[in-house]
Amino acid sequence: MSHKKFLSLKEIGERLGIVNPASKGYRLPEPDALIGRTRGWLPETIDAWNASRPGRGVGGGRPRKHQVDE
């Protein structure tokens, strides 16, 4: 019998280099497992979610005060 390894919030943070992703406002995908009130994610779920997130500054942010001429 093979067991699947699920990641906790702490392990997700370690994987992504983020301290406490839940409190930082990251919208994590739906958990792959729920045991009582404890959520768990498969590593491939988190990797796919992270790969699909926009990069820093994509789609918004504060507009520049002055347009830069090239």
C-alpha atoms as a PDB file:
ATOM      1  CA  MET A   1       0.000   0.000   0.000  1.00  0.00           C
ATOM      2  CA  SER A   2       1.414   3.345  -1.074  1.00  0.00           C
ATOM      3  CA  HIS A   3       0.851   6.451   1.034  1.00  0.00           C
ATOM      4  CA  LYS A   4       0.567   9.947  -0.424  1.00  0.00           C
ATOM      5  CA  LYS A   5       2.477  12.781   1.211  1.00  0.00           C
ATOM      6  CA  PHE A   6       0.384  15.891   1.784  1.00  0.00           C
ATOM      7  CA  LEU A   7       1.903  19.273   2.559  1.00  0.00           C
ATOM      8  CA  SER A   8       0.876  21.379   5.536  1.00  0.00           C
ATOM      9  CA  LEU A   9       0.750  25.181   5.420  1.00  0.00           C
ATOM     10  CA  LYS A  10       4.183  25.274   7.040  1.00  0.00           C
ATOM     11  CA  GLU A  11       5.595  22.890   4.439  1.00  0.00           C
ATOM     12  CA  ILE A  12       4.052  24.938   1.615  1.00  0.00           C
ATOM     13  CA  GLY A  13       5.760  28.013   3.014  1.00  0.00           C
ATOM     14  CA  GLU A  14       9.083  26.182   3.178  1.00  0.00           C
ATOM     15  CA  ARG A  15       8.642  24.901  -0.385  1.00  0.00           C
ATOM     16  CA  LEU A  16       7.905  28.396  -1.737  1.00  0.00           C
ATOM     17  CA  GLY A  17      10.170  30.408   0.564  1.00  0.00           C
ATOM     18  CA  ILE A  18       7.211  32.177   2.181  1.00  0.00           C
ATOM     19  CA  VAL A  19       6.747  32.551   5.913  1.00  0.00           C
ATOM     20  CA  ASN A  20       3.142  31.653   6.825  1.00  0.00           C
ATOM     21  CA  PRO A  21       1.460  31.847   3.392  1.00  0.00           C
ATOM     22  CA  ALA A  22      -2.076  31.840   4.856  1.00  0.00           C
ATOM     23  CA  SER A  23      -1.504  35.012   6.868  1.00  0.00           C
ATOM     24  CA  LYS A  24       0.179  36.747   3.911  1.00  0.00           C
ATOM     25  CA  GLY A  25      -3.050  36.640   1.914  1.00  0.00           C
ATOM     26  CA  TYR A  26      -2.066  33.975  -0.591  1.00  0.00           C
ATOM     27  CA  ARG A  27      -5.161  32.371  -2.113  1.00  0.00           C
ATOM     28  CA  LEU A  28      -4.164  28.746  -1.981  1.00  0.00           C
ATOM     29  CA  PRO A  29      -5.991  26.172  -4.090  1.00  0.00           C
ATOM     30  CA  GLU A  30      -8.610  23.919  -2.543  1.00  0.00           C
ATOM     31  CA  PRO A  31      -6.912  21.311  -0.340  1.00  0.00           C
ATOM     32  CA  ASP A  32      -6.504  17.783  -1.679  1.00  0.00           C
ATOM     33  CA  ALA A  33      -7.251  16.320   1.756  1.00  0.00           C
ATOM     34  CA  LEU A  34      -9.167  17.377   4.823  1.00  0.00           C
ATOM     35  CA  ILE A  35      -8.685  15.538   8.099  1.00  0.00           C
ATOM     36  CA  GLY A  36     -10.865  17.153  10.705  1.00  0.00           C
ATOM     37  CA  ARG A  37     -10.008  20.821  10.320  1.00  0.00           C
ATOM     38  CA  THR A  38      -6.487  20.154   9.011  1.00  0.00           C
ATOM     39  CA  ARG A  39      -5.914  20.815   5.315  1.00  0.00           C
ATOM     40  CA  GLY A  40      -3.337  19.077   3.148  1.00  0.00           C
ATOM     41  CA  TRP A  41      -2.100  19.632  -0.404  1.00  0.00           C
ATOM     42  CA  LEU A  42      -0.247  17.337  -2.760  1.00  0.00           C
ATOM     43  CA  PRO A  43       3.138  18.728  -3.824  1.00  0.00           C
ATOM     44  CA  GLU A  44       2.068  18.675  -7.482  1.00  0.00           C
ATOM     45  CA  THR A  45      -1.049  20.739  -6.643  1.00  0.00           C
ATOM     46  CA  ILE A  46       1.090  23.434  -5.020  1.00  0.00           C
ATOM     47  CA  ASP A  47       3.698  23.352  -7.807  1.00  0.00           C
ATOM     48  CA  ALA A  48       1.011  23.780 -10.501  1.00  0.00           C
ATOM     49  CA  TRP A  49      -0.676  26.565  -8.519  1.00  0.00           C
ATOM     50  CA  ASN A  50       2.626  28.365  -7.984  1.00  0.00           C
ATOM     51  CA  ALA A  51       3.582  28.063 -11.662  1.00  0.00           C
ATOM     52  CA  SER A  52       0.261  29.623 -12.727  1.00  0.00           C
ATOM     53  CA  ARG A  53       0.484  32.622 -10.385  1.00  0.00           C
ATOM     54  CA  PRO A  54       1.333  35.926 -12.059  1.00  0.00           C
ATOM     55  CA  GLY A  55       4.821  37.287 -11.446  1.00  0.00           C
ATOM     56  CA  ARG A  56       5.582  40.301  -9.309  1.00  0.00           C
ATOM     57  CA  GLY A  57       3.994  43.425 -10.649  1.00  0.00           C
ATOM     58  CA  VAL A  58       1.984  41.720 -13.365  1.00  0.00           C
ATOM     59  CA  GLY A  59      -1.452  43.164 -13.968  1.00  0.00           C
ATOM     60  CA  GLY A  60      -1.370  46.140 -11.732  1.00  0.00           C
ATOM     61  CA  GLY A  61       0.520  47.823  -9.013  1.00  0.00           C
ATOM     62  CA  ARG A  62       0.937  51.539  -8.604  1.00  0.00           C
ATOM     63  CA  PRO A  63       1.143  53.533 -11.821  1.00  0.00           C
ATOM     64  CA  ARG A  64       4.332  55.463 -12.485  1.00  0.00           C
ATOM     65  CA  LYS A  65       4.189  59.198 -11.803  1.00  0.00           C
ATOM     66  CA  HIS A  66       5.993  60.004 -15.020  1.00  0.00           C
ATOM     67  CA  GLN A  67       6.131  57.978 -18.196  1.00  0.00           C
ATOM     68  CA  VAL A  68       9.649  56.897 -19.026  1.00  0.00           C
ATOM     69  CA  ASP A  69      10.737  57.808 -22.564  1.00  0.00           C
ATOM     70  CA  GLU A  70      12.850  55.234 -24.374  1.00  0.00           C
END
